Amino acid sequence: MQKVTFLIAASLGLAGCGTMPTNTSMYSVHQPVVERTNYTIDLASDGDGIAVADQKRLNEWLETLDLRYGDRISIDSGDGMGNDNAARDVRAAAAERGVLVAERAPATPGIIAPGNIRVVVTRSQASVPSCPDNRTTSGHNFNAGNNSNYGCAINSNLAAMVADPEDLVRGRDNKRLDSNSGKAAVNAYKTKTGGN
């Protein structure tokens, strides 16, 4: 009877320690997530560009958003025809803040009234929403799994430090890639060492 009581007490003690780790790979289950938010403003445009009152609204709106690296500005005319003069005014306002205007605007809800344009600022933010994760607090690890918080520090730091969160989604092309640059380094090494 004493052995049965001891085994029940031991099993209850282990049950209170928390769950054991289940991730037995070297990969973290906590990965950065990129959230994209679109901010929009509709502006009246005449044949010469954006109306004077709306130019002031545009500048105040852009100041309030406090544009930063990674933000994207785009222009949607609604009819697909575009308004070159209004687009010129938006590009000028964006250039003052060091931001380029993208070629295509994302889809946004609502209808653009005739004679208006919609300016869209797209901002992305990276985070690791599942961190910290302290589910596995047990000191017992019978399946050699990683702690549930494994990967939170490195991936949270990566999400905080990346300048443009969109780079975590698509990466970035190296437009200056030269296929001969590696060849020149190898040839210089061979020449110095006399190797083949």
N, C-alpha and C. Protein backbone atom coordinates (compact mmCIF):
# COMPACT_ATOMS: atom_id res chain seq x y z
N MET A 1 0.82 -1.20 0.00
CA MET A 1 0.00 0.00 0.00
C MET A 1 0.85 1.25 0.00
N GLN A 2 2.00 1.19 0.69
CA GLN A 2 2.87 2.36 0.75
C GLN A 2 3.45 2.67 -0.63
N LYS A 3 3.79 1.63 -1.42
CA LYS A 3 4.35 1.84 -2.76
C LYS A 3 3.33 2.52 -3.66
N VAL A 4 2.08 2.10 -3.61
CA VAL A 4 1.03 2.70 -4.44
C VAL A 4 0.83 4.15 -4.06
N THR A 5 0.81 4.45 -2.77
CA THR A 5 0.65 5.83 -2.30
C THR A 5 1.82 6.68 -2.78
N PHE A 6 3.04 6.13 -2.70
CA PHE A 6 4.22 6.87 -3.14
C PHE A 6 4.17 7.16 -4.64
N LEU A 7 3.76 6.19 -5.46
CA LEU A 7 3.67 6.39 -6.91
C LEU A 7 2.62 7.42 -7.26
N ILE A 8 1.49 7.42 -6.58
CA ILE A 8 0.45 8.42 -6.83
C ILE A 8 0.96 9.81 -6.45
N ALA A 9 1.63 9.92 -5.32
CA ALA A 9 2.17 11.21 -4.88
C ALA A 9 3.23 11.71 -5.85
N ALA A 10 4.08 10.80 -6.35
CA ALA A 10 5.13 11.20 -7.30
C ALA A 10 4.52 11.66 -8.61
N SER A 11 3.50 10.95 -9.08
CA SER A 11 2.88 11.35 -10.35
C SER A 11 2.16 12.69 -10.22
N LEU A 12 1.53 12.95 -9.09
CA LEU A 12 0.88 14.25 -8.87
C LEU A 12 1.92 15.36 -8.79
N GLY A 13 3.07 15.06 -8.20
CA GLY A 13 4.14 16.06 -8.11
C GLY A 13 4.66 16.42 -9.49
N LEU A 14 4.83 15.44 -10.37
CA LEU A 14 5.29 15.72 -11.74
C LEU A 14 4.24 16.47 -12.54
N ALA A 15 2.97 16.18 -12.30
CA ALA A 15 1.90 16.86 -13.04
C ALA A 15 1.87 18.34 -12.72
N GLY A 16 2.29 18.72 -11.55
CA GLY A 16 2.27 20.13 -11.17
C GLY A 16 3.45 20.92 -11.69
N CYS A 17 4.43 20.26 -12.32
CA CYS A 17 5.64 20.94 -12.78
C CYS A 17 5.46 21.68 -14.09
N GLY A 18 4.38 21.47 -14.78
CA GLY A 18 4.19 22.12 -16.07
C GLY A 18 4.38 21.14 -17.21
N THR A 19 4.21 21.62 -18.42
CA THR A 19 4.33 20.73 -19.57
C THR A 19 5.78 20.59 -19.99
N MET A 20 6.07 19.48 -20.62
CA MET A 20 7.43 19.25 -21.10
C MET A 20 7.57 19.81 -22.51
N PRO A 21 8.78 20.21 -22.91
CA PRO A 21 9.01 20.72 -24.26
C PRO A 21 8.68 19.68 -25.32
N THR A 22 8.12 20.13 -26.43
CA THR A 22 7.76 19.21 -27.53
C THR A 22 8.55 19.49 -28.80
N ASN A 23 9.19 20.63 -28.92
CA ASN A 23 9.96 20.96 -30.11
C ASN A 23 11.33 20.32 -30.01
N THR A 24 11.56 19.23 -30.73
CA THR A 24 12.85 18.53 -30.66
C THR A 24 13.77 18.92 -31.81
N SER A 25 13.38 19.86 -32.66
CA SER A 25 14.24 20.28 -33.77
C SER A 25 15.07 21.48 -33.32
N MET A 26 15.96 21.92 -34.17
CA MET A 26 16.76 23.10 -33.87
C MET A 26 16.11 24.37 -34.41
N TYR A 27 14.92 24.26 -34.96
CA TYR A 27 14.20 25.41 -35.49
C TYR A 27 13.27 25.98 -34.42
N SER A 28 13.18 27.28 -34.39
CA SER A 28 12.28 27.93 -33.44
C SER A 28 10.86 27.97 -34.02
N VAL A 29 9.90 27.73 -33.17
CA VAL A 29 8.51 27.85 -33.62
C VAL A 29 8.05 29.31 -33.59
N HIS A 30 8.86 30.18 -33.01
CA HIS A 30 8.54 31.60 -32.91
C HIS A 30 9.25 32.36 -34.03
N GLN A 31 8.50 32.79 -35.01
CA GLN A 31 9.07 33.49 -36.17
C GLN A 31 8.50 34.90 -36.25
N PRO A 32 9.27 35.85 -36.80
CA PRO A 32 8.76 37.21 -36.95
C PRO A 32 7.55 37.25 -37.89
N VAL A 33 6.58 38.06 -37.53
CA VAL A 33 5.38 38.26 -38.32
C VAL A 33 5.37 39.72 -38.76
N VAL A 34 5.10 39.96 -40.04
CA VAL A 34 5.07 41.32 -40.56
C VAL A 34 3.61 41.72 -40.78
N GLU A 35 3.21 42.81 -40.14
CA GLU A 35 1.86 43.34 -40.29
C GLU A 35 1.93 44.62 -41.12
N ARG A 36 1.03 44.74 -42.06
CA ARG A 36 1.01 45.89 -42.95
C ARG A 36 -0.26 46.70 -42.70
N THR A 37 -0.10 48.01 -42.57
CA THR A 37 -1.23 48.91 -42.34
C THR A 37 -1.24 49.98 -43.43
N ASN A 38 -2.41 50.23 -44.00
CA ASN A 38 -2.56 51.28 -45.00
C ASN A 38 -3.29 52.48 -44.38
N TYR A 39 -2.70 53.65 -44.55
CA TYR A 39 -3.33 54.90 -44.14
C TYR A 39 -3.70 55.65 -45.42
N THR A 40 -4.91 56.16 -45.49
CA THR A 40 -5.36 56.81 -46.73
C THR A 40 -5.91 58.20 -46.46
N ILE A 41 -5.80 59.03 -47.48
CA ILE A 41 -6.42 60.36 -47.48
C ILE A 41 -6.88 60.65 -48.90
N ASP A 42 -8.10 61.13 -49.05
CA ASP A 42 -8.63 61.51 -50.36
C ASP A 42 -8.49 63.02 -50.52
N LEU A 43 -7.98 63.42 -51.68
CA LEU A 43 -7.72 64.84 -51.94
C LEU A 43 -8.39 65.26 -53.24
N ALA A 44 -8.90 66.49 -53.24
CA ALA A 44 -9.50 67.04 -54.46
C ALA A 44 -8.40 67.49 -55.41
N SER A 45 -8.56 67.13 -56.67
CA SER A 45 -7.57 67.56 -57.66
C SER A 45 -8.28 68.29 -58.78
N ASP A 46 -7.66 69.39 -59.22
CA ASP A 46 -8.18 70.10 -60.38
C ASP A 46 -7.22 69.82 -61.54
N GLY A 47 -7.36 70.49 -62.62
CA GLY A 47 -6.52 70.24 -63.79
C GLY A 47 -5.06 70.58 -63.56
N ASP A 48 -4.78 71.46 -62.59
CA ASP A 48 -3.40 71.90 -62.35
C ASP A 48 -2.72 71.13 -61.23
N GLY A 49 -3.40 70.19 -60.62
CA GLY A 49 -2.81 69.43 -59.51
C GLY A 49 -3.78 69.36 -58.35
N ILE A 50 -3.22 69.23 -57.16
CA ILE A 50 -4.05 69.15 -55.95
C ILE A 50 -4.48 70.55 -55.57
N ALA A 51 -5.75 70.69 -55.17
CA ALA A 51 -6.26 71.99 -54.74
C ALA A 51 -5.43 72.52 -53.58
N VAL A 52 -5.32 73.84 -53.48
CA VAL A 52 -4.44 74.48 -52.50
C VAL A 52 -4.78 74.06 -51.07
N ALA A 53 -6.06 74.05 -50.72
CA ALA A 53 -6.45 73.66 -49.36
C ALA A 53 -6.06 72.21 -49.08
N ASP A 54 -6.19 71.35 -50.09
CA ASP A 54 -5.85 69.95 -49.89
C ASP A 54 -4.34 69.71 -49.88
N GLN A 55 -3.57 70.59 -50.50
CA GLN A 55 -2.11 70.47 -50.40
C GLN A 55 -1.68 70.68 -48.95
N LYS A 56 -2.33 71.62 -48.27
CA LYS A 56 -2.03 71.86 -46.86
C LYS A 56 -2.44 70.63 -46.03
N ARG A 57 -3.61 70.06 -46.33
CA ARG A 57 -4.06 68.85 -45.63
C ARG A 57 -3.07 67.70 -45.83
N LEU A 58 -2.58 67.55 -47.08
CA LEU A 58 -1.63 66.49 -47.38
C LEU A 58 -0.35 66.65 -46.56
N ASN A 59 0.20 67.85 -46.53
CA ASN A 59 1.44 68.09 -45.78
C ASN A 59 1.25 67.86 -44.28
N GLU A 60 0.12 68.30 -43.74
CA GLU A 60 -0.14 68.09 -42.31
C GLU A 60 -0.32 66.60 -42.01
N TRP A 61 -0.97 65.89 -42.92
CA TRP A 61 -1.20 64.45 -42.74
C TRP A 61 0.12 63.70 -42.76
N LEU A 62 0.99 64.05 -43.72
CA LEU A 62 2.29 63.38 -43.80
C LEU A 62 3.15 63.69 -42.58
N GLU A 63 3.06 64.92 -42.06
CA GLU A 63 3.80 65.27 -40.84
C GLU A 63 3.30 64.46 -39.65
N THR A 64 1.97 64.29 -39.57
CA THR A 64 1.39 63.54 -38.46
C THR A 64 1.82 62.07 -38.51
N LEU A 65 1.91 61.50 -39.71
CA LEU A 65 2.32 60.10 -39.85
C LEU A 65 3.79 59.90 -39.52
N ASP A 66 4.58 60.99 -39.57
CA ASP A 66 6.01 60.91 -39.27
C ASP A 66 6.67 59.81 -40.10
N LEU A 67 6.69 60.03 -41.41
CA LEU A 67 7.23 59.03 -42.34
C LEU A 67 8.64 58.63 -41.97
N ARG A 68 8.94 57.34 -42.18
CA ARG A 68 10.26 56.82 -41.87
C ARG A 68 10.67 55.79 -42.92
N TYR A 69 11.90 55.34 -42.81
CA TYR A 69 12.42 54.37 -43.76
C TYR A 69 11.53 53.14 -43.78
N GLY A 70 11.20 52.67 -44.96
CA GLY A 70 10.35 51.50 -45.11
C GLY A 70 8.91 51.84 -45.43
N ASP A 71 8.48 53.08 -45.15
CA ASP A 71 7.11 53.49 -45.51
C ASP A 71 7.03 53.65 -47.02
N ARG A 72 5.87 53.32 -47.57
CA ARG A 72 5.66 53.44 -49.01
C ARG A 72 4.45 54.33 -49.28
N ILE A 73 4.62 55.24 -50.21
CA ILE A 73 3.52 56.12 -50.61
C ILE A 73 3.10 55.72 -52.01
N SER A 74 1.79 55.69 -52.22
CA SER A 74 1.28 55.39 -53.56
C SER A 74 0.05 56.26 -53.82
N ILE A 75 -0.31 56.37 -55.09
CA ILE A 75 -1.41 57.24 -55.51
C ILE A 75 -2.42 56.39 -56.27
N ASP A 76 -3.70 56.54 -55.90
CA ASP A 76 -4.78 55.82 -56.56
C ASP A 76 -5.78 56.85 -57.06
N SER A 77 -6.02 56.85 -58.37
CA SER A 77 -6.98 57.80 -58.93
C SER A 77 -8.37 57.21 -59.05
N GLY A 78 -8.51 55.92 -58.78
CA GLY A 78 -9.82 55.29 -58.83
C GLY A 78 -10.25 54.85 -60.21
N ASP A 79 -10.09 55.70 -61.21
CA ASP A 79 -10.52 55.36 -62.56
C ASP A 79 -9.41 54.70 -63.37
N GLY A 80 -8.21 54.64 -62.80
CA GLY A 80 -7.10 54.02 -63.50
C GLY A 80 -6.44 54.94 -64.52
N MET A 81 -7.02 56.11 -64.73
CA MET A 81 -6.48 57.03 -65.72
C MET A 81 -5.32 57.84 -65.13
N GLY A 82 -5.41 58.17 -63.86
CA GLY A 82 -4.36 58.95 -63.22
C GLY A 82 -4.51 60.43 -63.49
N ASN A 83 -3.87 61.20 -62.68
CA ASN A 83 -3.84 62.65 -62.82
C ASN A 83 -2.39 63.06 -62.64
N ASP A 84 -1.71 63.33 -63.74
CA ASP A 84 -0.27 63.58 -63.70
C ASP A 84 0.10 64.78 -62.84
N ASN A 85 -0.68 65.84 -62.90
CA ASN A 85 -0.36 67.03 -62.11
C ASN A 85 -0.54 66.78 -60.62
N ALA A 86 -1.59 66.07 -60.25
CA ALA A 86 -1.80 65.74 -58.84
C ALA A 86 -0.70 64.79 -58.35
N ALA A 87 -0.33 63.84 -59.19
CA ALA A 87 0.74 62.91 -58.83
C ALA A 87 2.05 63.66 -58.64
N ARG A 88 2.29 64.67 -59.46
CA ARG A 88 3.49 65.49 -59.33
C ARG A 88 3.54 66.17 -57.97
N ASP A 89 2.38 66.69 -57.50
CA ASP A 89 2.33 67.36 -56.20
C ASP A 89 2.59 66.38 -55.06
N VAL A 90 2.06 65.16 -55.18
CA VAL A 90 2.29 64.16 -54.13
C VAL A 90 3.75 63.74 -54.12
N ARG A 91 4.34 63.56 -55.30
CA ARG A 91 5.76 63.19 -55.38
C ARG A 91 6.64 64.27 -54.76
N ALA A 92 6.28 65.53 -54.98
CA ALA A 92 7.06 66.63 -54.40
C ALA A 92 6.97 66.61 -52.88
N ALA A 93 5.77 66.38 -52.34
CA ALA A 93 5.61 66.31 -50.88
C ALA A 93 6.35 65.13 -50.30
N ALA A 94 6.35 64.00 -51.02
CA ALA A 94 7.05 62.80 -50.55
C ALA A 94 8.57 63.01 -50.62
N ALA A 95 9.04 63.66 -51.68
CA ALA A 95 10.48 63.90 -51.84
C ALA A 95 11.03 64.78 -50.73
N GLU A 96 10.22 65.73 -50.24
CA GLU A 96 10.66 66.58 -49.13
C GLU A 96 10.93 65.75 -47.88
N ARG A 97 10.29 64.61 -47.78
CA ARG A 97 10.44 63.75 -46.61
C ARG A 97 11.33 62.54 -46.89
N GLY A 98 11.93 62.49 -48.08
CA GLY A 98 12.86 61.42 -48.41
C GLY A 98 12.22 60.08 -48.71
N VAL A 99 10.96 60.09 -49.17
CA VAL A 99 10.26 58.84 -49.48
C VAL A 99 9.86 58.85 -50.95
N LEU A 100 10.08 57.73 -51.63
CA LEU A 100 9.69 57.61 -53.03
C LEU A 100 8.24 57.17 -53.14
N VAL A 101 7.62 57.49 -54.27
CA VAL A 101 6.23 57.09 -54.53
C VAL A 101 6.26 55.80 -55.34
N ALA A 102 5.53 54.79 -54.85
CA ALA A 102 5.47 53.50 -55.53
C ALA A 102 4.61 53.60 -56.78
N GLU A 103 4.83 52.67 -57.71
CA GLU A 103 4.09 52.70 -58.97
C GLU A 103 2.65 52.27 -58.82
N ARG A 104 2.39 51.26 -57.98
CA ARG A 104 1.03 50.74 -57.85
C ARG A 104 0.53 50.91 -56.42
N ALA A 105 -0.74 51.28 -56.30
CA ALA A 105 -1.36 51.44 -54.99
C ALA A 105 -2.03 50.14 -54.56
N PRO A 106 -1.99 49.84 -53.27
CA PRO A 106 -2.72 48.65 -52.80
C PRO A 106 -4.22 48.89 -52.83
N ALA A 107 -4.97 47.83 -52.83
CA ALA A 107 -6.44 47.95 -52.80
C ALA A 107 -6.87 48.47 -51.44
N THR A 108 -7.73 49.48 -51.44
CA THR A 108 -8.24 50.07 -50.21
C THR A 108 -9.76 50.12 -50.28
N PRO A 109 -10.43 50.07 -49.13
CA PRO A 109 -11.90 50.09 -49.16
C PRO A 109 -12.44 51.47 -49.49
N GLY A 110 -13.63 51.50 -50.04
CA GLY A 110 -14.27 52.78 -50.35
C GLY A 110 -14.06 53.19 -51.78
N ILE A 111 -14.96 54.04 -52.25
CA ILE A 111 -14.91 54.53 -53.63
C ILE A 111 -14.28 55.92 -53.64
N ILE A 112 -13.43 56.14 -54.61
CA ILE A 112 -12.81 57.45 -54.78
C ILE A 112 -13.74 58.30 -55.62
N ALA A 113 -14.13 59.45 -55.08
CA ALA A 113 -15.06 60.33 -55.79
C ALA A 113 -14.40 60.86 -57.07
N PRO A 114 -15.19 61.09 -58.11
CA PRO A 114 -14.64 61.64 -59.34
C PRO A 114 -13.95 62.99 -59.07
N GLY A 115 -12.80 63.17 -59.68
CA GLY A 115 -12.04 64.40 -59.48
C GLY A 115 -11.13 64.36 -58.26
N ASN A 116 -11.13 63.26 -57.54
CA ASN A 116 -10.26 63.11 -56.36
C ASN A 116 -9.19 62.07 -56.62
N ILE A 117 -8.16 62.12 -55.80
CA ILE A 117 -7.15 61.06 -55.80
C ILE A 117 -7.02 60.57 -54.36
N ARG A 118 -6.55 59.36 -54.22
CA ARG A 118 -6.32 58.80 -52.88
C ARG A 118 -4.83 58.58 -52.72
N VAL A 119 -4.28 59.14 -51.65
CA VAL A 119 -2.88 58.91 -51.31
C VAL A 119 -2.85 57.85 -50.22
N VAL A 120 -2.03 56.83 -50.44
CA VAL A 120 -1.95 55.69 -49.52
C VAL A 120 -0.53 55.61 -48.97
N VAL A 121 -0.42 55.60 -47.66
CA VAL A 121 0.87 55.34 -47.00
C VAL A 121 0.78 53.95 -46.41
N THR A 122 1.68 53.08 -46.84
CA THR A 122 1.73 51.71 -46.35
C THR A 122 2.90 51.58 -45.39
N ARG A 123 2.59 51.14 -44.19
CA ARG A 123 3.62 50.98 -43.15
C ARG A 123 3.60 49.54 -42.67
N SER A 124 4.78 48.95 -42.57
CA SER A 124 4.91 47.58 -42.10
C SER A 124 5.62 47.56 -40.76
N GLN A 125 5.24 46.59 -39.94
CA GLN A 125 5.85 46.45 -38.63
C GLN A 125 6.08 44.97 -38.36
N ALA A 126 7.28 44.64 -37.88
CA ALA A 126 7.62 43.25 -37.59
C ALA A 126 7.62 43.02 -36.09
N SER A 127 7.11 41.87 -35.68
CA SER A 127 7.12 41.50 -34.27
C SER A 127 7.03 39.98 -34.17
N VAL A 128 7.23 39.47 -32.98
CA VAL A 128 7.05 38.05 -32.71
C VAL A 128 5.95 37.96 -31.66
N PRO A 129 4.69 37.85 -32.10
CA PRO A 129 3.57 37.96 -31.15
C PRO A 129 3.47 36.82 -30.15
N SER A 130 4.09 35.68 -30.42
CA SER A 130 3.97 34.54 -29.51
C SER A 130 5.03 34.55 -28.41
N CYS A 131 5.81 35.62 -28.29
CA CYS A 131 6.87 35.68 -27.29
C CYS A 131 6.55 36.72 -26.23
N PRO A 132 6.96 36.54 -25.00
CA PRO A 132 7.63 35.36 -24.46
C PRO A 132 6.67 34.21 -24.27
N ASP A 133 7.22 33.00 -24.27
CA ASP A 133 6.41 31.79 -24.15
C ASP A 133 7.00 30.94 -23.02
N ASN A 134 6.40 31.02 -21.87
CA ASN A 134 6.93 30.30 -20.70
C ASN A 134 6.03 29.13 -20.31
N ARG A 135 5.50 28.43 -21.30
CA ARG A 135 4.63 27.29 -21.01
C ARG A 135 5.39 26.13 -20.41
N THR A 136 6.62 25.91 -20.87
CA THR A 136 7.38 24.77 -20.36
C THR A 136 8.31 25.26 -19.26
N THR A 137 7.83 25.15 -18.05
CA THR A 137 8.64 25.57 -16.91
C THR A 137 9.21 24.40 -16.16
N SER A 138 8.99 23.20 -16.68
CA SER A 138 9.44 21.98 -16.01
C SER A 138 10.95 21.84 -16.12
N GLY A 139 11.55 21.34 -15.06
CA GLY A 139 12.97 21.03 -15.10
C GLY A 139 13.21 19.68 -15.75
N HIS A 140 12.15 18.90 -15.94
CA HIS A 140 12.27 17.56 -16.54
C HIS A 140 12.08 17.68 -18.05
N ASN A 141 12.99 17.09 -18.77
CA ASN A 141 12.94 17.16 -20.23
C ASN A 141 13.29 15.77 -20.76
N PHE A 142 12.31 14.89 -20.77
CA PHE A 142 12.57 13.49 -21.13
C PHE A 142 12.63 13.26 -22.63
N ASN A 143 12.18 14.22 -23.44
CA ASN A 143 12.20 14.01 -24.89
C ASN A 143 13.24 14.90 -25.59
N ALA A 144 14.15 15.51 -24.84
CA ALA A 144 15.23 16.34 -25.38
C ALA A 144 14.69 17.46 -26.27
N GLY A 145 13.61 18.08 -25.84
CA GLY A 145 13.01 19.17 -26.60
C GLY A 145 13.54 20.52 -26.16
N ASN A 146 13.38 21.50 -27.03
CA ASN A 146 13.78 22.87 -26.68
C ASN A 146 12.75 23.50 -25.76
N ASN A 147 13.20 24.42 -24.95
CA ASN A 147 12.29 25.18 -24.10
C ASN A 147 11.29 25.92 -24.98
N SER A 148 10.08 26.11 -24.49
CA SER A 148 9.05 26.77 -25.31
C SER A 148 9.44 28.20 -25.68
N ASN A 149 10.34 28.80 -24.94
CA ASN A 149 10.77 30.18 -25.21
C ASN A 149 11.96 30.22 -26.19
N TYR A 150 12.39 29.05 -26.65
CA TYR A 150 13.55 28.96 -27.55
C TYR A 150 13.31 29.76 -28.83
N GLY A 151 14.23 30.66 -29.17
CA GLY A 151 14.15 31.46 -30.38
C GLY A 151 13.50 32.81 -30.18
N CYS A 152 12.89 33.04 -29.03
CA CYS A 152 12.21 34.32 -28.81
C CYS A 152 13.19 35.49 -28.81
N ALA A 153 14.32 35.36 -28.16
CA ALA A 153 15.25 36.47 -28.05
C ALA A 153 15.81 36.87 -29.42
N ILE A 154 16.33 35.90 -30.16
CA ILE A 154 16.97 36.23 -31.44
C ILE A 154 15.96 36.76 -32.44
N ASN A 155 14.78 36.14 -32.51
CA ASN A 155 13.80 36.58 -33.50
C ASN A 155 13.14 37.90 -33.11
N SER A 156 12.95 38.15 -31.82
CA SER A 156 12.42 39.45 -31.39
C SER A 156 13.42 40.56 -31.68
N ASN A 157 14.72 40.28 -31.46
CA ASN A 157 15.75 41.27 -31.78
C ASN A 157 15.82 41.53 -33.28
N LEU A 158 15.72 40.48 -34.07
CA LEU A 158 15.73 40.64 -35.53
C LEU A 158 14.56 41.51 -35.98
N ALA A 159 13.37 41.23 -35.44
CA ALA A 159 12.19 42.01 -35.81
C ALA A 159 12.33 43.47 -35.40
N ALA A 160 12.98 43.72 -34.27
CA ALA A 160 13.15 45.10 -33.79
C ALA A 160 14.21 45.85 -34.58
N MET A 161 15.23 45.14 -35.08
CA MET A 161 16.36 45.82 -35.71
C MET A 161 16.25 45.99 -37.21
N VAL A 162 15.44 45.18 -37.88
CA VAL A 162 15.39 45.26 -39.34
C VAL A 162 14.86 46.64 -39.76
N ALA A 163 15.57 47.27 -40.68
CA ALA A 163 15.19 48.63 -41.08
C ALA A 163 13.89 48.65 -41.85
N ASP A 164 13.72 47.72 -42.77
CA ASP A 164 12.50 47.64 -43.57
C ASP A 164 11.88 46.27 -43.35
N PRO A 165 10.78 46.20 -42.57
CA PRO A 165 10.17 44.90 -42.29
C PRO A 165 9.78 44.11 -43.53
N GLU A 166 9.53 44.78 -44.64
CA GLU A 166 9.18 44.07 -45.88
C GLU A 166 10.32 43.17 -46.34
N ASP A 167 11.55 43.46 -45.93
CA ASP A 167 12.69 42.61 -46.31
C ASP A 167 12.56 41.21 -45.71
N LEU A 168 11.84 41.09 -44.58
CA LEU A 168 11.62 39.77 -43.99
C LEU A 168 10.65 38.94 -44.81
N VAL A 169 9.83 39.60 -45.62
CA VAL A 169 8.84 38.90 -46.43
C VAL A 169 9.41 38.54 -47.80
N ARG A 170 9.97 39.52 -48.49
CA ARG A 170 10.41 39.31 -49.87
C ARG A 170 11.91 39.31 -50.06
N GLY A 171 12.66 39.80 -49.12
CA GLY A 171 14.09 39.96 -49.33
C GLY A 171 14.35 41.15 -50.23
N ARG A 172 15.56 41.27 -50.70
CA ARG A 172 15.90 42.40 -51.54
C ARG A 172 16.85 41.94 -52.64
N ASP A 173 16.58 42.38 -53.86
CA ASP A 173 17.44 42.02 -54.98
C ASP A 173 18.72 42.85 -54.95
N ASN A 174 19.81 42.20 -55.31
CA ASN A 174 21.07 42.92 -55.46
C ASN A 174 21.20 43.28 -56.92
N LYS A 175 20.88 44.50 -57.25
CA LYS A 175 20.91 44.93 -58.65
C LYS A 175 22.33 45.11 -59.17
N ARG A 176 23.30 45.17 -58.26
CA ARG A 176 24.68 45.37 -58.69
C ARG A 176 25.46 44.07 -58.69
N LEU A 177 24.78 42.94 -58.74
CA LEU A 177 25.45 41.65 -58.72
C LEU A 177 26.24 41.45 -60.01
N ASP A 178 27.51 41.20 -59.87
CA ASP A 178 28.39 41.00 -61.01
C ASP A 178 28.92 39.56 -60.95
N SER A 179 28.59 38.77 -61.95
CA SER A 179 28.99 37.36 -61.93
C SER A 179 30.50 37.20 -62.03
N ASN A 180 31.21 38.22 -62.49
CA ASN A 180 32.66 38.12 -62.64
C ASN A 180 33.42 38.56 -61.40
N SER A 181 32.74 39.16 -60.40
CA SER A 181 33.46 39.68 -59.24
C SER A 181 34.10 38.55 -58.44
N GLY A 182 33.43 37.43 -58.30
CA GLY A 182 34.01 36.28 -57.60
C GLY A 182 35.17 35.67 -58.37
N LYS A 183 35.05 35.68 -59.68
CA LYS A 183 36.10 35.13 -60.54
C LYS A 183 37.40 35.91 -60.39
N ALA A 184 37.30 37.23 -60.30
CA ALA A 184 38.50 38.07 -60.16
C ALA A 184 39.21 37.77 -58.84
N ALA A 185 38.45 37.56 -57.77
CA ALA A 185 39.06 37.25 -56.47
C ALA A 185 39.77 35.90 -56.51
N VAL A 186 39.16 34.92 -57.14
CA VAL A 186 39.77 33.59 -57.24
C VAL A 186 41.04 33.65 -58.08
N ASN A 187 41.00 34.38 -59.19
CA ASN A 187 42.19 34.51 -60.04
C ASN A 187 43.33 35.21 -59.31
N ALA A 188 43.00 36.24 -58.52
CA ALA A 188 44.04 36.93 -57.75
C ALA A 188 44.66 35.99 -56.72
N TYR A 189 43.85 35.16 -56.10
CA TYR A 189 44.35 34.19 -55.11
C TYR A 189 45.25 33.15 -55.79
N LYS A 190 44.81 32.65 -56.94
CA LYS A 190 45.62 31.66 -57.64
C LYS A 190 46.95 32.24 -58.09
N THR A 191 46.95 33.48 -58.53
CA THR A 191 48.17 34.11 -59.00
C THR A 191 49.16 34.28 -57.85
N LYS A 192 48.66 34.65 -56.66
CA LYS A 192 49.52 34.85 -55.51
C LYS A 192 50.08 33.54 -54.99
N THR A 193 49.25 32.51 -54.94
CA THR A 193 49.67 31.23 -54.35
C THR A 193 50.29 30.28 -55.37
N GLY A 194 50.11 30.59 -56.65
CA GLY A 194 50.64 29.72 -57.69
C GLY A 194 49.85 28.43 -57.83
N GLY A 195 48.60 28.44 -57.33
CA GLY A 195 47.76 27.24 -57.41
C GLY A 195 47.02 27.16 -58.72
N ASN A 196 46.41 26.02 -58.97
CA ASN A 196 45.65 25.82 -60.21
C ASN A 196 44.19 26.02 -59.96
